[in-house]
C-alpha atoms as a PDB file:
ATOM      1  CA  MET A   1      95.010  90.269  54.018  1.00  0.00           C
ATOM      2  CA  GLY A   2      96.808  93.274  55.604  1.00  0.00           C
ATOM      3  CA  SER A   3      93.735  94.646  57.003  1.00  0.00           C
ATOM      4  CA  ARG A   4      92.949  91.291  58.744  1.00  0.00           C
ATOM      5  CA  VAL A   5      96.102  91.131  60.227  1.00  0.00           C
ATOM      6  CA  ASP A   6      95.994  94.721  61.372  1.00  0.00           C
ATOM      7  CA  MET A   7      92.589  93.906  63.143  1.00  0.00           C
ATOM      8  CA  LEU A   8      94.001  90.856  64.869  1.00  0.00           C
ATOM      9  CA  LEU A   9      97.064  92.977  66.117  1.00  0.00           C
ATOM     10  CA  TRP A  10      94.681  95.818  67.402  1.00  0.00           C
ATOM     11  CA  ALA A  11      92.616  93.308  69.165  1.00  0.00           C
ATOM     12  CA  TRP A  12      95.678  91.703  70.727  1.00  0.00           C
ATOM     13  CA  ILE A  13      96.862  95.233  72.077  1.00  0.00           C
ATOM     14  CA  VAL A  14      93.411  96.093  73.434  1.00  0.00           C
ATOM     15  CA  LEU A  15      93.308  92.843  75.292  1.00  0.00           C
ATOM     16  CA  ASP A  16      96.846  93.197  76.671  1.00  0.00           C
ATOM     17  CA  LEU A  17      96.712  96.789  77.768  1.00  0.00           C
ATOM     18  CA  GLY A  18      93.057  96.836  79.193  1.00  0.00           C
ATOM     19  CA  VAL A  19      90.936  99.674  79.782  1.00  0.00           C
ATOM     20  CA  CYS A  20      92.808 102.951  80.398  1.00  0.00           C
ATOM     21  CA  SER A  21      91.927 104.582  83.770  1.00  0.00           C
ATOM     22  CA  THR A  22      93.203 107.532  85.873  1.00  0.00           C
ATOM     23  CA  ALA A  23      96.729 107.233  86.647  1.00  0.00           C
ATOM     24  CA  LEU A  24      97.832 107.634  90.240  1.00  0.00           C
ATOM     25  CA  PRO A  25     101.296 107.798  91.681  1.00  0.00           C
ATOM     26  CA  GLU A  26     103.122 104.809  92.907  1.00  0.00           C
ATOM     27  CA  ILE A  27     104.724 104.915  96.549  1.00  0.00           C
ATOM     28  CA  THR A  28     108.140 104.903  94.608  1.00  0.00           C
ATOM     29  CA  ASP A  29     107.354 108.041  92.511  1.00  0.00           C
ATOM     30  CA  GLY A  30     109.926 110.587  93.380  1.00  0.00           C
ATOM     31  CA  LYS A  31     107.734 113.574  92.688  1.00  0.00           C
ATOM     32  CA  PHE A  32     104.959 111.948  94.850  1.00  0.00           C
ATOM     33  CA  ILE A  33     107.342 111.472  97.730  1.00  0.00           C
ATOM     34  CA  ASP A  34     108.931 114.837  97.562  1.00  0.00           C
ATOM     35  CA  GLU A  35     105.222 116.583  97.427  1.00  0.00           C
ATOM     36  CA  CYS A  36     104.196 114.450 100.499  1.00  0.00           C
ATOM     37  CA  VAL A  37     107.283 115.354 102.449  1.00  0.00           C
ATOM     38  CA  ARG A  38     107.277 118.927 101.519  1.00  0.00           C
ATOM     39  CA  GLU A  39     103.698 119.735 102.377  1.00  0.00           C
ATOM     40  CA  HIS A  40     103.987 118.050 105.765  1.00  0.00           C
ATOM     41  CA  ASN A  41     107.193 119.975 106.618  1.00  0.00           C
ATOM     42  CA  ARG A  42     105.654 123.229 105.317  1.00  0.00           C
ATOM     43  CA  ALA A  43     102.963 122.722 107.902  1.00  0.00           C
ATOM     44  CA  ARG A  44     105.291 121.824 110.756  1.00  0.00           C
ATOM     45  CA  SER A  45     107.633 124.575 110.058  1.00  0.00           C
ATOM     46  CA  SER A  46     104.800 127.284 110.357  1.00  0.00           C
ATOM     47  CA  VAL A  47     102.880 126.128 113.538  1.00  0.00           C
ATOM     48  CA  ASN A  48     101.695 128.999 115.786  1.00  0.00           C
ATOM     49  CA  PRO A  49     102.838 129.407 118.474  1.00  0.00           C
ATOM     50  CA  PRO A  50     106.270 128.026 117.121  1.00  0.00           C
ATOM     51  CA  SER A  51     107.564 124.849 118.443  1.00  0.00           C
ATOM     52  CA  SER A  52     110.590 124.193 120.426  1.00  0.00           C
ATOM     53  CA  ASN A  53     110.748 120.410 119.662  1.00  0.00           C
ATOM     54  CA  MET A  54     109.522 119.988 116.000  1.00  0.00           C
ATOM     55  CA  LEU A  55     111.276 117.139 114.117  1.00  0.00           C
ATOM     56  CA  TYR A  56     111.877 117.224 110.545  1.00  0.00           C
ATOM     57  CA  MET A  57     109.730 114.691 108.785  1.00  0.00           C
ATOM     58  CA  THR A  58     111.274 112.411 105.935  1.00  0.00           C
ATOM     59  CA  TRP A  59     109.901 109.524 103.842  1.00  0.00           C
ATOM     60  CA  ASP A  60     109.902 105.867 105.126  1.00  0.00           C
ATOM     61  CA  GLU A  61     109.378 103.014 102.687  1.00  0.00           C
ATOM     62  CA  GLY A  62     107.933 100.639 105.299  1.00  0.00           C
ATOM     63  CA  LEU A  63     105.089 103.179 106.199  1.00  0.00           C
ATOM     64  CA  ALA A  64     104.422 103.777 102.680  1.00  0.00           C
ATOM     65  CA  ILE A  65     103.997  99.965 102.083  1.00  0.00           C
ATOM     66  CA  THR A  66     101.622  99.901 104.894  1.00  0.00           C
ATOM     67  CA  ALA A  67      99.616 103.102 103.651  1.00  0.00           C
ATOM     68  CA  ARG A  68      99.326 101.243 100.204  1.00  0.00           C
ATOM     69  CA  ALA A  69      98.210  97.905 101.863  1.00  0.00           C
ATOM     70  CA  TRP A  70      95.483  99.650 103.648  1.00  0.00           C
ATOM     71  CA  ALA A  71      94.329 101.966 100.891  1.00  0.00           C
ATOM     72  CA  ARG A  72      93.841  98.854  98.788  1.00  0.00           C
ATOM     73  CA  HIS A  73      91.071  97.857 101.035  1.00  0.00           C
ATOM     74  CA  CYS A  74      89.181 101.037  99.702  1.00  0.00           C
ATOM     75  CA  ALA A  75      87.635 101.717 103.145  1.00  0.00           C
ATOM     76  CA  PHE A  76      87.196 105.281 104.692  1.00  0.00           C
ATOM     77  CA  GLN A  77      88.086 104.120 108.106  1.00  0.00           C
ATOM     78  CA  HIS A  78      91.269 103.664 110.062  1.00  0.00           C
ATOM     79  CA  ASN A  79      93.233 100.522 109.796  1.00  0.00           C
ATOM     80  CA  PRO A  80      92.405  98.323 112.974  1.00  0.00           C
ATOM     81  CA  ARG A  81      95.760  96.822 112.988  1.00  0.00           C
ATOM     82  CA  LEU A  82      97.385 100.067 114.202  1.00  0.00           C
ATOM     83  CA  LYS A  83      96.621  98.713 117.636  1.00  0.00           C
ATOM     84  CA  ASP A  84      99.308  96.181 117.161  1.00  0.00           C
ATOM     85  CA  ALA A  85     102.364  98.019 115.544  1.00  0.00           C
ATOM     86  CA  ARG A  86     103.938  94.655 114.659  1.00  0.00           C
ATOM     87  CA  GLN A  87     101.272  94.191 111.885  1.00  0.00           C
ATOM     88  CA  VAL A  88     102.025  97.597 110.429  1.00  0.00           C
ATOM     89  CA  HIS A  89     105.634  98.000 110.557  1.00  0.00           C
ATOM     90  CA  PRO A  90     108.774  95.904 111.039  1.00  0.00           C
ATOM     91  CA  THR A  91     110.541  98.222 113.487  1.00  0.00           C
ATOM     92  CA  PHE A  92     108.470 101.119 114.906  1.00  0.00           C
ATOM     93  CA  SER A  93     106.714 100.672 118.148  1.00  0.00           C
ATOM     94  CA  SER A  94     103.665 102.879 117.110  1.00  0.00           C
ATOM     95  CA  VAL A  95     102.024 104.068 113.861  1.00  0.00           C
ATOM     96  CA  GLY A  96      99.590 106.859 113.346  1.00  0.00           C
ATOM     97  CA  GLU A  97      97.479 107.611 110.391  1.00  0.00           C
ATOM     98  CA  ASN A  98      95.515 110.133 108.208  1.00  0.00           C
ATOM     99  CA  ILE A  99      92.920 109.250 105.516  1.00  0.00           C
ATOM    100  CA  TRP A 100      91.513 111.260 102.671  1.00  0.00           C
ATOM    101  CA  THR A 101      89.085 110.335 100.142  1.00  0.00           C
ATOM    102  CA  GLY A 102      87.223 112.038  97.229  1.00  0.00           C
ATOM    103  CA  TYR A 103      85.852 111.565  93.665  1.00  0.00           C
ATOM    104  CA  PRO A 104      86.038 111.680  90.824  1.00  0.00           C
ATOM    105  CA  PRO A 105      89.541 110.328  90.617  1.00  0.00           C
ATOM    106  CA  SER A 106      90.796 112.965  88.332  1.00  0.00           C
ATOM    107  CA  SER A 107      90.272 115.564  91.190  1.00  0.00           C
ATOM    108  CA  PHE A 108      92.871 113.893  93.275  1.00  0.00           C
ATOM    109  CA  ASP A 109      95.804 116.196  94.284  1.00  0.00           C
ATOM    110  CA  VAL A 110      98.368 115.359  96.874  1.00  0.00           C
ATOM    111  CA  THR A 111      98.929 118.993  98.046  1.00  0.00           C
ATOM    112  CA  ALA A 112      95.215 119.752  98.296  1.00  0.00           C
ATOM    113  CA  ALA A 113      94.449 116.566 100.221  1.00  0.00           C
ATOM    114  CA  ILE A 114      97.325 117.301 102.785  1.00  0.00           C
ATOM    115  CA  ARG A 115      96.221 120.778 103.064  1.00  0.00           C
ATOM    116  CA  SER A 116      92.610 119.835 103.793  1.00  0.00           C
ATOM    117  CA  TRP A 117      94.162 118.124 106.790  1.00  0.00           C
ATOM    118  CA  VAL A 118      96.187 121.214 107.859  1.00  0.00           C
ATOM    119  CA  ASP A 119      93.153 123.480 107.294  1.00  0.00           C
ATOM    120  CA  GLU A 120      91.855 121.903 110.439  1.00  0.00           C
ATOM    121  CA  LYS A 121      94.178 124.046 112.545  1.00  0.00           C
ATOM    122  CA  THR A 122      91.496 126.832 112.582  1.00  0.00           C
ATOM    123  CA  ASP A 123      89.372 124.521 114.872  1.00  0.00           C
ATOM    124  CA  TYR A 124      92.336 123.696 117.251  1.00  0.00           C
ATOM    125  CA  ASN A 125      93.284 125.904 120.177  1.00  0.00           C
ATOM    126  CA  TYR A 126      96.864 125.127 121.372  1.00  0.00           C
ATOM    127  CA  GLU A 127      96.558 126.891 124.684  1.00  0.00           C
ATOM    128  CA  ARG A 128      93.485 124.845 125.826  1.00  0.00           C
ATOM    129  CA  ASN A 129      94.588 121.886 123.771  1.00  0.00           C
ATOM    130  CA  THR A 130      90.935 121.468 122.423  1.00  0.00           C
ATOM    131  CA  CYS A 131      89.192 121.096 119.089  1.00  0.00           C
ATOM    132  CA  SER A 132      85.881 123.052 118.180  1.00  0.00           C
ATOM    133  CA  ASN A 133      85.414 120.692 115.352  1.00  0.00           C
ATOM    134  CA  ILE A 134      87.457 117.771 113.806  1.00  0.00           C
ATOM    135  CA  CYS A 135      91.278 118.548 114.029  1.00  0.00           C
ATOM    136  CA  GLY A 136      92.843 115.155 114.629  1.00  0.00           C
ATOM    137  CA  HIS A 137      94.457 115.105 111.123  1.00  0.00           C
ATOM    138  CA  TYR A 138      96.078 118.528 111.616  1.00  0.00           C
ATOM    139  CA  THR A 139      97.372 117.575 115.106  1.00  0.00           C
ATOM    140  CA  GLN A 140      99.038 114.203 113.494  1.00  0.00           C
ATOM    141  CA  VAL A 141     100.453 116.311 110.832  1.00  0.00           C
ATOM    142  CA  VAL A 142     102.280 118.531 113.259  1.00  0.00           C
ATOM    143  CA  TRP A 143     102.937 116.106 116.048  1.00  0.00           C
ATOM    144  CA  GLY A 144     106.560 117.165 117.087  1.00  0.00           C
ATOM    145  CA  SER A 145     107.787 113.713 117.782  1.00  0.00           C
ATOM    146  CA  SER A 146     106.421 111.903 114.520  1.00  0.00           C
ATOM    147  CA  TYR A 147     109.424 112.157 112.090  1.00  0.00           C
ATOM    148  CA  LYS A 148     108.587 109.578 109.537  1.00  0.00           C
ATOM    149  CA  VAL A 149     105.790 109.577 107.020  1.00  0.00           C
ATOM    150  CA  GLY A 150     104.852 107.163 104.093  1.00  0.00           C
ATOM    151  CA  CYS A 151     101.719 107.783 101.841  1.00  0.00           C
ATOM    152  CA  ALA A 152      99.792 106.003  99.200  1.00  0.00           C
ATOM    153  CA  ALA A 153      96.805 106.793  96.806  1.00  0.00           C
ATOM    154  CA  GLN A 154      94.627 104.014  95.550  1.00  0.00           C
ATOM    155  CA  LEU A 155      91.890 104.037  92.707  1.00  0.00           C
ATOM    156  CA  CYS A 156      88.628 102.425  93.833  1.00  0.00           C
ATOM    157  CA  PRO A 157      86.552 101.457  90.965  1.00  0.00           C
ATOM    158  CA  ASN A 158      83.527 100.162  93.048  1.00  0.00           C
ATOM    159  CA  GLY A 159      83.763 103.267  95.443  1.00  0.00           C
ATOM    160  CA  VAL A 160      84.854 103.716  98.980  1.00  0.00           C
ATOM    161  CA  SER A 161      83.084 101.925 101.783  1.00  0.00           C
ATOM    162  CA  ALA A 162      81.411 104.030 104.309  1.00  0.00           C
ATOM    163  CA  PHE A 163      81.840 107.139 101.946  1.00  0.00           C
ATOM    164  CA  SER A 164      80.413 106.695  98.319  1.00  0.00           C
ATOM    165  CA  PRO A 165      79.583 103.984  95.828  1.00  0.00           C
ATOM    166  CA  ARG A 166      81.112 106.055  93.050  1.00  0.00           C
ATOM    167  CA  GLU A 167      84.500 105.578  91.611  1.00  0.00           C
ATOM    168  CA  GLY A 168      86.940 107.288  93.772  1.00  0.00           C
ATOM    169  CA  VAL A 169      90.416 107.644  95.476  1.00  0.00           C
ATOM    170  CA  VAL A 170      91.643 106.718  98.878  1.00  0.00           C
ATOM    171  CA  PHE A 171      94.879 108.557 100.002  1.00  0.00           C
ATOM    172  CA  VAL A 172      96.500 107.317 103.165  1.00  0.00           C
ATOM    173  CA  CYS A 173      99.409 108.606 105.079  1.00  0.00           C
ATOM    174  CA  ASN A 174     100.962 106.596 107.890  1.00  0.00           C
ATOM    175  CA  TYR A 175     103.308 108.244 110.594  1.00  0.00           C
ATOM    176  CA  ALA A 176     105.856 106.974 113.111  1.00  0.00           C
ATOM    177  CA  THR A 177     106.070 107.476 115.915  1.00  0.00           C
ATOM    178  CA  ALA A 178     102.391 107.831 116.176  1.00  0.00           C
ATOM    179  CA  GLY A 179     100.805 111.132 117.333  1.00  0.00           C
ATOM    180  CA  ASN A 180      97.643 112.119 118.841  1.00  0.00           C
ATOM    181  CA  VAL A 181      98.371 110.853 122.367  1.00  0.00           C
ATOM    182  CA  ASN A 182      95.432 111.493 124.786  1.00  0.00           C
ATOM    183  CA  GLY A 183      95.875 114.517 126.937  1.00  0.00           C
ATOM    184  CA  ARG A 184      99.120 115.698 125.276  1.00  0.00           C
ATOM    185  CA  ARG A 185      99.661 118.762 122.952  1.00  0.00           C
ATOM    186  CA  PRO A 186     101.107 118.018 119.613  1.00  0.00           C
ATOM    187  CA  TYR A 187     104.341 119.798 120.265  1.00  0.00           C
ATOM    188  CA  GLU A 188     105.993 121.849 122.803  1.00  0.00           C
ATOM    189  CA  SER A 189     106.290 125.678 122.694  1.00  0.00           C
ATOM    190  CA  LYS A 190     108.998 126.545 125.238  1.00  0.00           C
ATOM    191  CA  GLY A 191     111.383 129.182 123.965  1.00  0.00           C
ATOM    192  CA  ALA A 192     112.407 129.770 120.461  1.00  0.00           C
ATOM    193  CA  ALA A 193     111.904 127.390 117.460  1.00  0.00           C
ATOM    194  CA  CYS A 194     114.137 124.386 117.832  1.00  0.00           C
ATOM    195  CA  SER A 195     115.477 125.378 121.091  1.00  0.00           C
ATOM    196  CA  GLY A 196     114.454 122.024 122.799  1.00  0.00           C
ATOM    197  CA  CYS A 197     116.044 119.847 119.934  1.00  0.00           C
ATOM    198  CA  GLU A 198     119.390 118.363 119.199  1.00  0.00           C
ATOM    199  CA  GLY A 199     120.955 118.688 115.636  1.00  0.00           C
ATOM    200  CA  THR A 200     120.493 121.395 113.102  1.00  0.00           C
ATOM    201  CA  CYS A 201     117.654 123.816 113.029  1.00  0.00           C
ATOM    202  CA  VAL A 202     116.433 124.373 109.339  1.00  0.00           C
ATOM    203  CA  ASP A 203     113.243 126.299 108.704  1.00  0.00           C
ATOM    204  CA  ASN A 204     112.078 126.056 112.416  1.00  0.00           C
ATOM    205  CA  VAL A 205     112.306 122.163 112.405  1.00  0.00           C
ATOM    206  CA  CYS A 206     115.106 120.091 113.699  1.00  0.00           C
ATOM    207  CA  ARG A 207     117.161 117.889 111.316  1.00  0.00           C
ATOM    208  CA  ASP A 208     119.519 115.069 112.147  1.00  0.00           C
ATOM    209  CA  GLN A 209     121.492 113.218 109.501  1.00  0.00           C
ATOM    210  CA  LYS A 210     121.077 109.685 111.166  1.00  0.00           C
ATOM    211  CA  ARG A 211     117.417 110.143 112.004  1.00  0.00           C
ATOM    212  CA  ASP A 212     116.740 111.629 108.471  1.00  0.00           C
ATOM    213  CA  SER A 213     118.403 108.886 106.461  1.00  0.00           C
ATOM    214  CA  PRO A 214     116.198 106.579 104.427  1.00  0.00           C
ATOM    215  CA  ARG A 215     115.867 102.767 105.010  1.00  0.00           C
ATOM    216  CA  SER A 216     114.747 100.002 102.883  1.00  0.00           C
ATOM    217  CA  TYR A 217     112.534  97.129 103.833  1.00  0.00           C
ATOM    218  CA  ASN A 218     112.051  93.698 102.363  1.00  0.00           C
ATOM    219  CA  TRP A 219     108.792  93.358 103.936  1.00  0.00           C
ATOM    220  CA  SER A 220     105.016  93.494 103.276  1.00  0.00           C
ATOM    221  CA  PRO A 221     102.105  93.120 105.641  1.00  0.00           C
ATOM    222  CA  GLU A 222     100.234  89.668 105.497  1.00  0.00           C
ATOM    223  CA  TRP A 223      96.981  91.395 105.439  1.00  0.00           C
ATOM    224  CA  ASP A 224      97.880  93.354 102.211  1.00  0.00           C
ATOM    225  CA  PRO A 225      95.014  92.245  99.610  1.00  0.00           C
ATOM    226  CA  GLU A 226      97.799  92.146  96.792  1.00  0.00           C
ATOM    227  CA  VAL A 227      99.873  89.752  98.814  1.00  0.00           C
ATOM    228  CA  LYS A 228      96.956  87.421  99.561  1.00  0.00           C
ATOM    229  CA  ALA A 229      95.939  87.538  95.885  1.00  0.00           C
ATOM    230  CA  THR A 230      99.487  86.705  94.736  1.00  0.00           C
ATOM    231  CA  THR A 231      99.707  83.691  97.031  1.00  0.00           C
ATOM    232  CA  GLY A 232      96.356  82.433  96.270  1.00  0.00           C
ATOM    233  CA  SER A 233      96.678  82.710  92.650  1.00  0.00           C
ATOM    234  CA  HIS A 234      99.983  80.662  92.496  1.00  0.00           C
ATOM    235  CA  TYR A 235      98.208  77.510  91.645  1.00  0.00           C
ATOM    236  CA  VAL A 236      95.724  79.078  89.426  1.00  0.00           C
ATOM    237  CA  THR A 237      98.647  80.395  87.336  1.00  0.00           C
ATOM    238  CA  ILE A 238      99.975  76.852  86.984  1.00  0.00           C
ATOM    239  CA  LEU A 239      96.642  75.060  86.383  1.00  0.00           C
ATOM    240  CA  ALA A 240      95.014  77.516  84.221  1.00  0.00           C
ATOM    241  CA  VAL A 241      97.079  80.348  82.878  1.00  0.00           C
ATOM    242  CA  ARG A 242      99.750  78.180  81.313  1.00  0.00           C
ATOM    243  CA  PRO A 243      97.114  75.798  79.596  1.00  0.00           C
ATOM    244  CA  VAL A 244      95.553  78.836  78.107  1.00  0.00           C
ATOM    245  CA  ALA A 245      98.819  80.214  77.013  1.00  0.00           C
ATOM    246  CA  LEU A 246      99.586  76.886  75.269  1.00  0.00           C
ATOM    247  CA  ILE A 247      96.212  76.835  73.632  1.00  0.00           C
ATOM    248  CA  PHE A 248      96.625  80.382  72.388  1.00  0.00           C
ATOM    249  CA  THR A 249     100.141  79.359  70.902  1.00  0.00           C
ATOM    250  CA  PHE A 250      98.558  76.430  68.925  1.00  0.00           C
ATOM    251  CA  ILE A 251      95.840  78.799  67.579  1.00  0.00           C
ATOM    252  CA  THR A 252      98.512  81.277  66.449  1.00  0.00           C
ATOM    253  CA  ALA A 253     100.540  78.847  64.987  1.00  0.00           C
ATOM    254  CA  TYR A 254      97.414  77.601  62.938  1.00  0.00           C
ATOM    255  CA  ALA A 255      96.399  81.090  61.875  1.00  0.00           C
ATOM    256  CA  VAL A 256      99.913  81.977  60.629  1.00  0.00           C
ATOM    257  CA  HIS A 257     100.055  78.609  58.737  1.00  0.00           C
ATOM    258  CA  HIS A 258      96.634  79.049  57.199  1.00  0.00           C
ATOM    259  CA  TYR A 259      97.073  82.778  55.971  1.00  0.00           C
ATOM    260  CA  TYR A 260     100.833  82.227  55.270  1.00  0.00           C
ATOM    261  CA  PRO A 261     101.277  78.839  53.940  1.00  0.00           C
ATOM    262  CA  ASP A 262     104.641  79.575  52.354  1.00  0.00           C
ATOM    263  CA  VAL A 263     106.228  80.840  55.514  1.00  0.00           C
ATOM    264  CA  PHE A 264     108.653  78.324  57.336  1.00  0.00           C
ATOM    265  CA  CYS A 265     110.007  78.621  60.862  1.00  0.00           C
ATOM    266  CA  TYR A 266     113.408  77.383  61.780  1.00  0.00           C
ATOM    267  CA  GLU A 267     115.140  76.987  65.066  1.00  0.00           C
END
């Protein structure tokens, strides 16, 4: 009898937990946040020539929510809603974006992904303000007036559209205010580092307590697949899930009564 009960318990655990998969960090993971911010500021503080107006970059919860929402689409292309800032952030007037993707999921590394963007600096010429190859990811990372960042990593079991049908990961970072303005250099290089900034200069970037302070947002974009799924499944939960749960309760009660006829339950 004991083995039968054990088998039932194991079956329930497997059904409850589902299939294990590669664990990716959530946008609230402190280590993930620190790594994203650190790698961006590492690149910003070491630009050559040095910047006179480079702002220190800090985490923004709203940008991370936007990055997660777009990453959930598992598409290797820029979010088309960036053209209308109201759809991608509750307060900022413009939002920029970088995207990375790769497989297998176990190969994803935050630092390596960001550094792949930064490595594009070899293809960027500051004096001419030109790219000999792709360098837009790098210029966004080091855009002097972009001072907030929010990132998200998403597992894509069915692959990433426009990239590969294999199970992979999409990593998205959003920035505010947006960089890569046509015709402009990513930052100014007039005099010593931080010479054109107000506030405190730390590691060649300008810090300001008010600007760097975190903010919380009770907000989610309406185009987030998870938001749509939650809204659409409300009636399904009421009409389908609850009856199934009720049936399961009766089956469980019957099984207990069948295998343990001498057990009584009291309220």
